[in-house]
Amino acid sequence: MIVIDRDTCIVDTARYFLSFTQSESCGKCVPCREGNFWLLKILERIVHGHGREGDIVLILDLCGNIGGGKTLCALGDAAINPVLGGLRLFRDEFEYHIRHGHCAVQGA
C-alpha cells in the first residue's frame, strides 16, 4: 500500500514508479525494454517542464503496446499501471504539467 497526500505530484509519482520497474526489466522482450524506456523519457520530459501537446495520446499508445499480456512476464503490465491509473484519475494534472511546464499541486 502506498499513501500520498494531496500535495504529491501524481505525474512525478507515476514517473518514479515507472523508473523503478524500467530498471527492473530483464530486457528480453521489446515491449517492456523499449516501451518502458520511451514511456519514462516522456514522463521525465513532462515532469521537467518540457511536455508536448500530444504526449498523453503517445503515453496511452505506448501503454497499449506494453500491457495486455504483450510482454514475457507481468512486469510490463505492472509498469504501466501507475501511469494509466494516474491518467485515469488525475488526467488534469498531466494536462496542467504539459500546458504550464510545472505541477499545479506543488505550485513549482
PDB file of N, CA and C in Angstrom:
ATOM      1  N   MET A   1       0.836  -1.159   0.000  1.00  0.00           N
ATOM      2  CA  MET A   1       0.000   0.000   0.000  1.00  0.00           C
ATOM      3  C   MET A   1       0.889   1.232   0.000  1.00  0.00           C
ATOM      4  N   ILE A   2       0.498   2.196  -0.785  1.00  0.00           N
ATOM      5  CA  ILE A   2       1.230   3.456  -0.868  1.00  0.00           C
ATOM      6  C   ILE A   2       0.268   4.573  -0.527  1.00  0.00           C
ATOM      7  N   VAL A   3       0.679   5.428   0.375  1.00  0.00           N
ATOM      8  CA  VAL A   3      -0.157   6.542   0.788  1.00  0.00           C
ATOM      9  C   VAL A   3       0.544   7.835   0.395  1.00  0.00           C
ATOM     10  N   ILE A   4      -0.183   8.694  -0.286  1.00  0.00           N
ATOM     11  CA  ILE A   4       0.349  10.002  -0.654  1.00  0.00           C
ATOM     12  C   ILE A   4      -0.677  11.057  -0.261  1.00  0.00           C
ATOM     13  N   ASP A   5      -0.209  12.258  -0.020  1.00  0.00           N
ATOM     14  CA  ASP A   5      -1.142  13.316   0.350  1.00  0.00           C
ATOM     15  C   ASP A   5      -1.492  14.177  -0.860  1.00  0.00           C
ATOM     16  N   ARG A   6      -2.341  15.153  -0.649  1.00  0.00           N
ATOM     17  CA  ARG A   6      -2.826  15.978  -1.768  1.00  0.00           C
ATOM     18  C   ARG A   6      -1.760  16.897  -2.346  1.00  0.00           C
ATOM     19  N   ASP A   7      -0.630  17.029  -1.680  1.00  0.00           N
ATOM     20  CA  ASP A   7       0.459  17.863  -2.186  1.00  0.00           C
ATOM     21  C   ASP A   7       1.472  17.075  -3.014  1.00  0.00           C
ATOM     22  N   THR A   8       1.180  15.811  -3.268  1.00  0.00           N
ATOM     23  CA  THR A   8       2.081  14.955  -4.042  1.00  0.00           C
ATOM     24  C   THR A   8       1.770  15.099  -5.521  1.00  0.00           C
ATOM     25  N   CYS A   9       2.786  15.273  -6.309  1.00  0.00           N
ATOM     26  CA  CYS A   9       2.631  15.380  -7.752  1.00  0.00           C
ATOM     27  C   CYS A   9       2.394  13.987  -8.334  1.00  0.00           C
ATOM     28  N   ILE A  10       1.240  13.778  -8.909  1.00  0.00           N
ATOM     29  CA  ILE A  10       0.892  12.472  -9.469  1.00  0.00           C
ATOM     30  C   ILE A  10       1.764  12.140 -10.677  1.00  0.00           C
ATOM     31  N   VAL A  11       2.082  13.136 -11.475  1.00  0.00           N
ATOM     32  CA  VAL A  11       2.920  12.899 -12.657  1.00  0.00           C
ATOM     33  C   VAL A  11       4.298  12.415 -12.222  1.00  0.00           C
ATOM     34  N   ASP A  12       4.870  13.060 -11.222  1.00  0.00           N
ATOM     35  CA  ASP A  12       6.181  12.643 -10.733  1.00  0.00           C
ATOM     36  C   ASP A  12       6.110  11.289 -10.031  1.00  0.00           C
ATOM     37  N   THR A  13       5.014  11.008  -9.368  1.00  0.00           N
ATOM     38  CA  THR A  13       4.837   9.708  -8.722  1.00  0.00           C
ATOM     39  C   THR A  13       4.783   8.597  -9.767  1.00  0.00           C
ATOM     40  N   ALA A  14       4.041   8.822 -10.840  1.00  0.00           N
ATOM     41  CA  ALA A  14       3.982   7.838 -11.931  1.00  0.00           C
ATOM     42  C   ALA A  14       5.371   7.644 -12.532  1.00  0.00           C
ATOM     43  N   ARG A  15       6.108   8.741 -12.712  1.00  0.00           N
ATOM     44  CA  ARG A  15       7.467   8.670 -13.250  1.00  0.00           C
ATOM     45  C   ARG A  15       8.377   7.870 -12.317  1.00  0.00           C
ATOM     46  N   TYR A  16       8.245   8.096 -11.031  1.00  0.00           N
ATOM     47  CA  TYR A  16       9.066   7.392 -10.044  1.00  0.00           C
ATOM     48  C   TYR A  16       8.847   5.879 -10.116  1.00  0.00           C
ATOM     49  N   PHE A  17       7.591   5.463 -10.118  1.00  0.00           N
ATOM     50  CA  PHE A  17       7.309   4.025 -10.155  1.00  0.00           C
ATOM     51  C   PHE A  17       7.710   3.414 -11.494  1.00  0.00           C
ATOM     52  N   LEU A  18       7.543   4.154 -12.569  1.00  0.00           N
ATOM     53  CA  LEU A  18       7.974   3.641 -13.870  1.00  0.00           C
ATOM     54  C   LEU A  18       9.493   3.520 -13.922  1.00  0.00           C
ATOM     55  N   SER A  19      10.209   4.452 -13.308  1.00  0.00           N
ATOM     56  CA  SER A  19      11.677   4.355 -13.313  1.00  0.00           C
ATOM     57  C   SER A  19      12.133   3.102 -12.573  1.00  0.00           C
ATOM     58  N   PHE A  20      11.419   2.747 -11.506  1.00  0.00           N
ATOM     59  CA  PHE A  20      11.767   1.522 -10.777  1.00  0.00           C
ATOM     60  C   PHE A  20      11.513   0.291 -11.641  1.00  0.00           C
ATOM     61  N   THR A  21      10.329   0.179 -12.211  1.00  0.00           N
ATOM     62  CA  THR A  21      10.016  -1.009 -12.999  1.00  0.00           C
ATOM     63  C   THR A  21      10.860  -1.067 -14.267  1.00  0.00           C
ATOM     64  N   GLN A  22      11.167   0.074 -14.845  1.00  0.00           N
ATOM     65  CA  GLN A  22      12.011   0.093 -16.045  1.00  0.00           C
ATOM     66  C   GLN A  22      13.407  -0.425 -15.713  1.00  0.00           C
ATOM     67  N   SER A  23      13.914  -0.066 -14.553  1.00  0.00           N
ATOM     68  CA  SER A  23      15.247  -0.540 -14.156  1.00  0.00           C
ATOM     69  C   SER A  23      15.236  -2.032 -13.801  1.00  0.00           C
ATOM     70  N   GLU A  24      14.077  -2.581 -13.475  1.00  0.00           N
ATOM     71  CA  GLU A  24      13.950  -3.994 -13.134  1.00  0.00           C
ATOM     72  C   GLU A  24      13.753  -4.886 -14.358  1.00  0.00           C
ATOM     73  N   SER A  25      13.530  -4.288 -15.504  1.00  0.00           N
ATOM     74  CA  SER A  25      13.287  -5.075 -16.717  1.00  0.00           C
ATOM     75  C   SER A  25      14.515  -5.916 -17.069  1.00  0.00           C
ATOM     76  N   CYS A  26      14.274  -7.162 -17.443  1.00  0.00           N
ATOM     77  CA  CYS A  26      15.385  -8.034 -17.833  1.00  0.00           C
ATOM     78  C   CYS A  26      15.867  -7.700 -19.242  1.00  0.00           C
ATOM     79  N   GLY A  27      15.050  -7.025 -20.022  1.00  0.00           N
ATOM     80  CA  GLY A  27      15.436  -6.615 -21.364  1.00  0.00           C
ATOM     81  C   GLY A  27      15.199  -7.650 -22.441  1.00  0.00           C
ATOM     82  N   LYS A  28      14.552  -8.768 -22.108  1.00  0.00           N
ATOM     83  CA  LYS A  28      14.357  -9.835 -23.091  1.00  0.00           C
ATOM     84  C   LYS A  28      13.254  -9.546 -24.100  1.00  0.00           C
ATOM     85  N   CYS A  29      12.252  -8.768 -23.722  1.00  0.00           N
ATOM     86  CA  CYS A  29      11.161  -8.522 -24.680  1.00  0.00           C
ATOM     87  C   CYS A  29      11.101  -7.042 -25.051  1.00  0.00           C
ATOM     88  N   VAL A  30      10.863  -6.798 -26.302  1.00  0.00           N
ATOM     89  CA  VAL A  30      10.879  -5.439 -26.848  1.00  0.00           C
ATOM     90  C   VAL A  30       9.816  -4.536 -26.222  1.00  0.00           C
ATOM     91  N   PRO A  31       8.564  -4.983 -26.046  1.00  0.00           N
ATOM     92  CA  PRO A  31       7.571  -4.055 -25.482  1.00  0.00           C
ATOM     93  C   PRO A  31       7.982  -3.490 -24.126  1.00  0.00           C
ATOM     94  N   CYS A  32       8.511  -4.331 -23.270  1.00  0.00           N
ATOM     95  CA  CYS A  32       8.915  -3.880 -21.942  1.00  0.00           C
ATOM     96  C   CYS A  32      10.199  -3.054 -22.016  1.00  0.00           C
ATOM     97  N   ARG A  33      11.200  -3.578 -22.699  1.00  0.00           N
ATOM     98  CA  ARG A  33      12.505  -2.909 -22.763  1.00  0.00           C
ATOM     99  C   ARG A  33      12.394  -1.546 -23.433  1.00  0.00           C
ATOM    100  N   GLU A  34      11.860  -1.504 -24.618  1.00  0.00           N
ATOM    101  CA  GLU A  34      11.795  -0.255 -25.385  1.00  0.00           C
ATOM    102  C   GLU A  34      10.613   0.614 -24.974  1.00  0.00           C
ATOM    103  N   GLY A  35       9.472  -0.016 -24.767  1.00  0.00           N
ATOM    104  CA  GLY A  35       8.277   0.748 -24.408  1.00  0.00           C
ATOM    105  C   GLY A  35       8.429   1.492 -23.103  1.00  0.00           C
ATOM    106  N   ASN A  36       8.913   0.807 -22.080  1.00  0.00           N
ATOM    107  CA  ASN A  36       9.091   1.465 -20.784  1.00  0.00           C
ATOM    108  C   ASN A  36      10.197   2.510 -20.823  1.00  0.00           C
ATOM    109  N   PHE A  37      11.223   2.270 -21.628  1.00  0.00           N
ATOM    110  CA  PHE A  37      12.291   3.260 -21.791  1.00  0.00           C
ATOM    111  C   PHE A  37      11.707   4.567 -22.341  1.00  0.00           C
ATOM    112  N   TRP A  38      10.933   4.462 -23.406  1.00  0.00           N
ATOM    113  CA  TRP A  38      10.375   5.670 -24.023  1.00  0.00           C
ATOM    114  C   TRP A  38       9.279   6.288 -23.169  1.00  0.00           C
ATOM    115  N   LEU A  39       8.509   5.462 -22.498  1.00  0.00           N
ATOM    116  CA  LEU A  39       7.479   5.977 -21.606  1.00  0.00           C
ATOM    117  C   LEU A  39       8.115   6.787 -20.478  1.00  0.00           C
ATOM    118  N   LEU A  40       9.205   6.285 -19.936  1.00  0.00           N
ATOM    119  CA  LEU A  40       9.917   7.013 -18.884  1.00  0.00           C
ATOM    120  C   LEU A  40      10.477   8.324 -19.417  1.00  0.00           C
ATOM    121  N   LYS A  41      11.025   8.332 -20.615  1.00  0.00           N
ATOM    122  CA  LYS A  41      11.561   9.565 -21.204  1.00  0.00           C
ATOM    123  C   LYS A  41      10.466  10.620 -21.356  1.00  0.00           C
ATOM    124  N   ILE A  42       9.284  10.205 -21.771  1.00  0.00           N
ATOM    125  CA  ILE A  42       8.167  11.145 -21.928  1.00  0.00           C
ATOM    126  C   ILE A  42       7.753  11.709 -20.573  1.00  0.00           C
ATOM    127  N   LEU A  43       7.632  10.841 -19.573  1.00  0.00           N
ATOM    128  CA  LEU A  43       7.250  11.325 -18.242  1.00  0.00           C
ATOM    129  C   LEU A  43       8.315  12.236 -17.644  1.00  0.00           C
ATOM    130  N   GLU A  44       9.573  11.921 -17.858  1.00  0.00           N
ATOM    131  CA  GLU A  44      10.647  12.797 -17.372  1.00  0.00           C
ATOM    132  C   GLU A  44      10.566  14.161 -18.052  1.00  0.00           C
ATOM    133  N   ARG A  45      10.303  14.156 -19.342  1.00  0.00           N
ATOM    134  CA  ARG A  45      10.174  15.415 -20.079  1.00  0.00           C
ATOM    135  C   ARG A  45       9.019  16.245 -19.520  1.00  0.00           C
ATOM    136  N   ILE A  46       7.890  15.602 -19.243  1.00  0.00           N
ATOM    137  CA  ILE A  46       6.735  16.320 -18.698  1.00  0.00           C
ATOM    138  C   ILE A  46       7.055  16.878 -17.315  1.00  0.00           C
ATOM    139  N   VAL A  47       7.633  16.047 -16.453  1.00  0.00           N
ATOM    140  CA  VAL A  47       7.960  16.472 -15.083  1.00  0.00           C
ATOM    141  C   VAL A  47       8.925  17.654 -15.092  1.00  0.00           C
ATOM    142  N   HIS A  48       9.840  17.681 -16.045  1.00  0.00           N
ATOM    143  CA  HIS A  48      10.835  18.762 -16.099  1.00  0.00           C
ATOM    144  C   HIS A  48      10.373  19.962 -16.916  1.00  0.00           C
ATOM    145  N   GLY A  49       9.075  20.023 -17.232  1.00  0.00           N
ATOM    146  CA  GLY A  49       8.519  21.218 -17.854  1.00  0.00           C
ATOM    147  C   GLY A  49       8.616  21.288 -19.361  1.00  0.00           C
ATOM    148  N   HIS A  50       8.867  20.169 -20.009  1.00  0.00           N
ATOM    149  CA  HIS A  50       9.024  20.178 -21.465  1.00  0.00           C
ATOM    150  C   HIS A  50       8.007  19.272 -22.152  1.00  0.00           C
ATOM    151  N   GLY A  51       6.834  19.130 -21.544  1.00  0.00           N
ATOM    152  CA  GLY A  51       5.791  18.298 -22.121  1.00  0.00           C
ATOM    153  C   GLY A  51       5.292  18.884 -23.433  1.00  0.00           C
ATOM    154  N   ARG A  52       4.788  18.006 -24.275  1.00  0.00           N
ATOM    155  CA  ARG A  52       4.281  18.404 -25.590  1.00  0.00           C
ATOM    156  C   ARG A  52       2.792  18.089 -25.686  1.00  0.00           C
ATOM    157  N   GLU A  53       2.121  18.774 -26.559  1.00  0.00           N
ATOM    158  CA  GLU A  53       0.675  18.650 -26.704  1.00  0.00           C
ATOM    159  C   GLU A  53       0.206  17.206 -26.901  1.00  0.00           C
ATOM    160  N   GLY A  54       0.867  16.400 -27.685  1.00  0.00           N
ATOM    161  CA  GLY A  54       0.429  15.042 -27.966  1.00  0.00           C
ATOM    162  C   GLY A  54       0.951  13.984 -27.014  1.00  0.00           C
ATOM    163  N   ASP A  55       1.561  14.383 -25.910  1.00  0.00           N
ATOM    164  CA  ASP A  55       2.192  13.413 -25.007  1.00  0.00           C
ATOM    165  C   ASP A  55       1.206  12.437 -24.374  1.00  0.00           C
ATOM    166  N   ILE A  56       0.026  12.901 -24.009  1.00  0.00           N
ATOM    167  CA  ILE A  56      -0.929  11.999 -23.363  1.00  0.00           C
ATOM    168  C   ILE A  56      -1.379  10.911 -24.333  1.00  0.00           C
ATOM    169  N   VAL A  57      -1.651  11.289 -25.565  1.00  0.00           N
ATOM    170  CA  VAL A  57      -2.026  10.297 -26.579  1.00  0.00           C
ATOM    171  C   VAL A  57      -0.879   9.322 -26.800  1.00  0.00           C
ATOM    172  N   LEU A  58       0.342   9.834 -26.849  1.00  0.00           N
ATOM    173  CA  LEU A  58       1.518   8.978 -27.027  1.00  0.00           C
ATOM    174  C   LEU A  58       1.704   8.026 -25.844  1.00  0.00           C
ATOM    175  N   ILE A  59       1.498   8.517 -24.635  1.00  0.00           N
ATOM    176  CA  ILE A  59       1.590   7.685 -23.437  1.00  0.00           C
ATOM    177  C   ILE A  59       0.568   6.546 -23.496  1.00  0.00           C
ATOM    178  N   LEU A  60      -0.663   6.885 -23.836  1.00  0.00           N
ATOM    179  CA  LEU A  60      -1.714   5.866 -23.914  1.00  0.00           C
ATOM    180  C   LEU A  60      -1.409   4.837 -25.004  1.00  0.00           C
ATOM    181  N   ASP A  61      -0.872   5.297 -26.115  1.00  0.00           N
ATOM    182  CA  ASP A  61      -0.499   4.390 -27.204  1.00  0.00           C
ATOM    183  C   ASP A  61       0.619   3.450 -26.763  1.00  0.00           C
ATOM    184  N   LEU A  62       1.635   3.999 -26.118  1.00  0.00           N
ATOM    185  CA  LEU A  62       2.736   3.168 -25.617  1.00  0.00           C
ATOM    186  C   LEU A  62       2.242   2.147 -24.591  1.00  0.00           C
ATOM    187  N   CYS A  63       1.386   2.592 -23.677  1.00  0.00           N
ATOM    188  CA  CYS A  63       0.851   1.672 -22.670  1.00  0.00           C
ATOM    189  C   CYS A  63       0.068   0.541 -23.332  1.00  0.00           C
ATOM    190  N   GLY A  64      -0.669   0.860 -24.389  1.00  0.00           N
ATOM    191  CA  GLY A  64      -1.401  -0.161 -25.120  1.00  0.00           C
ATOM    192  C   GLY A  64      -0.497  -1.165 -25.802  1.00  0.00           C
ATOM    193  N   ASN A  65       0.710  -0.757 -26.140  1.00  0.00           N
ATOM    194  CA  ASN A  65       1.673  -1.655 -26.778  1.00  0.00           C
ATOM    195  C   ASN A  65       2.542  -2.410 -25.773  1.00  0.00           C
ATOM    196  N   ILE A  66       2.479  -2.021 -24.506  1.00  0.00           N
ATOM    197  CA  ILE A  66       3.263  -2.688 -23.471  1.00  0.00           C
ATOM    198  C   ILE A  66       2.391  -3.682 -22.702  1.00  0.00           C
ATOM    199  N   GLY A  67       1.206  -3.244 -22.297  1.00  0.00           N
ATOM    200  CA  GLY A  67       0.348  -4.051 -21.438  1.00  0.00           C
ATOM    201  C   GLY A  67      -0.518  -5.032 -22.196  1.00  0.00           C
ATOM    202  N   GLY A  68      -1.370  -5.695 -21.442  1.00  0.00           N
ATOM    203  CA  GLY A  68      -2.300  -6.635 -22.035  1.00  0.00           C
ATOM    204  C   GLY A  68      -1.667  -7.956 -22.434  1.00  0.00           C
ATOM    205  N   GLY A  69      -0.640  -8.361 -21.709  1.00  0.00           N
ATOM    206  CA  GLY A  69      -0.009  -9.646 -21.989  1.00  0.00           C
ATOM    207  C   GLY A  69       0.965  -9.639 -23.151  1.00  0.00           C
ATOM    208  N   LYS A  70       1.443  -8.474 -23.542  1.00  0.00           N
ATOM    209  CA  LYS A  70       2.376  -8.381 -24.672  1.00  0.00           C
ATOM    210  C   LYS A  70       3.833  -8.597 -24.274  1.00  0.00           C
ATOM    211  N   THR A  71       4.069  -8.783 -22.983  1.00  0.00           N
ATOM    212  CA  THR A  71       5.433  -8.999 -22.507  1.00  0.00           C
ATOM    213  C   THR A  71       5.591 -10.439 -21.997  1.00  0.00           C
ATOM    214  N   LEU A  72       6.830 -10.859 -21.831  1.00  0.00           N
ATOM    215  CA  LEU A  72       7.102 -12.230 -21.395  1.00  0.00           C
ATOM    216  C   LEU A  72       6.682 -12.489 -19.951  1.00  0.00           C
ATOM    217  N   CYS A  73       6.651 -11.441 -19.149  1.00  0.00           N
ATOM    218  CA  CYS A  73       6.235 -11.599 -17.757  1.00  0.00           C
ATOM    219  C   CYS A  73       5.258 -10.479 -17.401  1.00  0.00           C
ATOM    220  N   ALA A  74       4.860 -10.435 -16.167  1.00  0.00           N
ATOM    221  CA  ALA A  74       3.866  -9.458 -15.723  1.00  0.00           C
ATOM    222  C   ALA A  74       4.451  -8.070 -15.468  1.00  0.00           C
ATOM    223  N   LEU A  75       5.761  -7.907 -15.623  1.00  0.00           N
ATOM    224  CA  LEU A  75       6.373  -6.614 -15.342  1.00  0.00           C
ATOM    225  C   LEU A  75       5.840  -5.530 -16.278  1.00  0.00           C
ATOM    226  N   GLY A  76       5.586  -5.864 -17.516  1.00  0.00           N
ATOM    227  CA  GLY A  76       5.049  -4.875 -18.458  1.00  0.00           C
ATOM    228  C   GLY A  76       3.735  -4.305 -17.981  1.00  0.00           C
ATOM    229  N   ASP A  77       2.824  -5.186 -17.568  1.00  0.00           N
ATOM    230  CA  ASP A  77       1.535  -4.719 -17.048  1.00  0.00           C
ATOM    231  C   ASP A  77       1.710  -3.938 -15.750  1.00  0.00           C
ATOM    232  N   ALA A  78       2.602  -4.409 -14.884  1.00  0.00           N
ATOM    233  CA  ALA A  78       2.838  -3.730 -13.614  1.00  0.00           C
ATOM    234  C   ALA A  78       3.433  -2.340 -13.828  1.00  0.00           C
ATOM    235  N   ALA A  79       4.286  -2.206 -14.830  1.00  0.00           N
ATOM    236  CA  ALA A  79       4.957  -0.926 -15.079  1.00  0.00           C
ATOM    237  C   ALA A  79       3.982   0.161 -15.505  1.00  0.00           C
ATOM    238  N   ILE A  80       3.010  -0.208 -16.317  1.00  0.00           N
ATOM    239  CA  ILE A  80       2.112   0.823 -16.847  1.00  0.00           C
ATOM    240  C   ILE A  80       0.952   1.156 -15.914  1.00  0.00           C
ATOM    241  N   ASN A  81       0.691   0.321 -14.919  1.00  0.00           N
ATOM    242  CA  ASN A  81      -0.444   0.566 -14.026  1.00  0.00           C
ATOM    243  C   ASN A  81      -0.407   1.925 -13.324  1.00  0.00           C
ATOM    244  N   PRO A  82       0.723   2.356 -12.738  1.00  0.00           N
ATOM    245  CA  PRO A  82       0.720   3.683 -12.108  1.00  0.00           C
ATOM    246  C   PRO A  82       0.488   4.819 -13.113  1.00  0.00           C
ATOM    247  N   VAL A  83       0.970   4.635 -14.322  1.00  0.00           N
ATOM    248  CA  VAL A  83       0.800   5.658 -15.359  1.00  0.00           C
ATOM    249  C   VAL A  83      -0.666   5.720 -15.784  1.00  0.00           C
ATOM    250  N   LEU A  84      -1.236   4.573 -16.091  1.00  0.00           N
ATOM    251  CA  LEU A  84      -2.634   4.538 -16.515  1.00  0.00           C
ATOM    252  C   LEU A  84      -3.577   4.971 -15.395  1.00  0.00           C
ATOM    253  N   GLY A  85      -3.293   4.528 -14.171  1.00  0.00           N
ATOM    254  CA  GLY A  85      -4.104   4.954 -13.033  1.00  0.00           C
ATOM    255  C   GLY A  85      -4.016   6.450 -12.809  1.00  0.00           C
ATOM    256  N   GLY A  86      -2.810   6.982 -12.920  1.00  0.00           N
ATOM    257  CA  GLY A  86      -2.632   8.430 -12.782  1.00  0.00           C
ATOM    258  C   GLY A  86      -3.398   9.194 -13.836  1.00  0.00           C
ATOM    259  N   LEU A  87      -3.334   8.722 -15.062  1.00  0.00           N
ATOM    260  CA  LEU A  87      -4.077   9.387 -16.141  1.00  0.00           C
ATOM    261  C   LEU A  87      -5.583   9.241 -15.972  1.00  0.00           C
ATOM    262  N   ARG A  88      -6.028   8.073 -15.538  1.00  0.00           N
ATOM    263  CA  ARG A  88      -7.458   7.845 -15.374  1.00  0.00           C
ATOM    264  C   ARG A  88      -8.039   8.732 -14.267  1.00  0.00           C
ATOM    265  N   LEU A  89      -7.327   8.873 -13.173  1.00  0.00           N
ATOM    266  CA  LEU A  89      -7.849   9.594 -12.018  1.00  0.00           C
ATOM    267  C   LEU A  89      -7.407  11.052 -11.933  1.00  0.00           C
ATOM    268  N   PHE A  90      -6.265  11.383 -12.540  1.00  0.00           N
ATOM    269  CA  PHE A  90      -5.703  12.727 -12.411  1.00  0.00           C
ATOM    270  C   PHE A  90      -5.224  13.278 -13.753  1.00  0.00           C
ATOM    271  N   ARG A  91      -5.966  13.026 -14.798  1.00  0.00           N
ATOM    272  CA  ARG A  91      -5.569  13.483 -16.127  1.00  0.00           C
ATOM    273  C   ARG A  91      -5.334  14.995 -16.164  1.00  0.00           C
ATOM    274  N   ASP A  92      -6.136  15.717 -15.411  1.00  0.00           N
ATOM    275  CA  ASP A  92      -5.996  17.172 -15.380  1.00  0.00           C
ATOM    276  C   ASP A  92      -4.616  17.603 -14.885  1.00  0.00           C
ATOM    277  N   GLU A  93      -4.006  16.838 -13.983  1.00  0.00           N
ATOM    278  CA  GLU A  93      -2.657  17.173 -13.521  1.00  0.00           C
ATOM    279  C   GLU A  93      -1.630  16.965 -14.618  1.00  0.00           C
ATOM    280  N   PHE A  94      -1.791  15.903 -15.400  1.00  0.00           N
ATOM    281  CA  PHE A  94      -0.899  15.676 -16.542  1.00  0.00           C
ATOM    282  C   PHE A  94      -1.048  16.814 -17.546  1.00  0.00           C
ATOM    283  N   GLU A  95      -2.287  17.186 -17.843  1.00  0.00           N
ATOM    284  CA  GLU A  95      -2.540  18.261 -18.807  1.00  0.00           C
ATOM    285  C   GLU A  95      -1.985  19.592 -18.318  1.00  0.00           C
ATOM    286  N   TYR A  96      -2.136  19.869 -17.013  1.00  0.00           N
ATOM    287  CA  TYR A  96      -1.590  21.105 -16.450  1.00  0.00           C
ATOM    288  C   TYR A  96      -0.076  21.135 -16.594  1.00  0.00           C
ATOM    289  N   HIS A  97       0.570  20.046 -16.257  1.00  0.00           N
ATOM    290  CA  HIS A  97       2.028  19.937 -16.396  1.00  0.00           C
ATOM    291  C   HIS A  97       2.453  20.261 -17.825  1.00  0.00           C
ATOM    292  N   ILE A  98       1.758  19.684 -18.779  1.00  0.00           N
ATOM    293  CA  ILE A  98       2.120  19.881 -20.184  1.00  0.00           C
ATOM    294  C   ILE A  98       1.895  21.324 -20.604  1.00  0.00           C
ATOM    295  N   ARG A  99       0.755  21.887 -20.238  1.00  0.00           N
ATOM    296  CA  ARG A  99       0.436  23.263 -20.647  1.00  0.00           C
ATOM    297  C   ARG A  99       1.292  24.322 -19.963  1.00  0.00           C
ATOM    298  N   HIS A 100       1.545  24.123 -18.680  1.00  0.00           N
ATOM    299  CA  HIS A 100       2.203  25.182 -17.886  1.00  0.00           C
ATOM    300  C   HIS A 100       3.649  24.888 -17.529  1.00  0.00           C
ATOM    301  N   GLY A 101       4.104  23.683 -17.748  1.00  0.00           N
ATOM    302  CA  GLY A 101       5.513  23.357 -17.510  1.00  0.00           C
ATOM    303  C   GLY A 101       5.866  23.113 -16.052  1.00  0.00           C
ATOM    304  N   HIS A 102       4.849  23.013 -15.203  1.00  0.00           N
ATOM    305  CA  HIS A 102       5.103  22.702 -13.789  1.00  0.00           C
ATOM    306  C   HIS A 102       3.842  22.101 -13.171  1.00  0.00           C
ATOM    307  N   CYS A 103       3.983  21.654 -11.957  1.00  0.00           N
ATOM    308  CA  CYS A 103       2.893  20.975 -11.256  1.00  0.00           C
ATOM    309  C   CYS A 103       1.933  21.981 -10.639  1.00  0.00           C
ATOM    310  N   ALA A 104       0.648  21.748 -10.836  1.00  0.00           N
ATOM    311  CA  ALA A 104      -0.366  22.614 -10.244  1.00  0.00           C
ATOM    312  C   ALA A 104      -0.465  22.388  -8.732  1.00  0.00           C
ATOM    313  N   VAL A 105      -0.249  21.176  -8.301  1.00  0.00           N
ATOM    314  CA  VAL A 105      -0.409  20.832  -6.884  1.00  0.00           C
ATOM    315  C   VAL A 105       0.710  21.426  -6.045  1.00  0.00           C
ATOM    316  N   GLN A 106       1.927  21.338  -6.547  1.00  0.00           N
ATOM    317  CA  GLN A 106       3.064  21.827  -5.789  1.00  0.00           C
ATOM    318  C   GLN A 106       3.350  23.297  -6.071  1.00  0.00           C
ATOM    319  N   GLY A 107       2.741  23.828  -7.125  1.00  0.00           N
ATOM    320  CA  GLY A 107       2.928  25.234  -7.461  1.00  0.00           C
ATOM    321  C   GLY A 107       4.342  25.584  -7.867  1.00  0.00           C
ATOM    322  N   ALA A 108       5.110  24.587  -8.253  1.00  0.00           N
ATOM    323  CA  ALA A 108       6.517  24.841  -8.599  1.00  0.00           C
ATOM    324  C   ALA A 108       6.696  25.163 -10.054  1.00  0.00           C
TER     325      ALA A 108
END
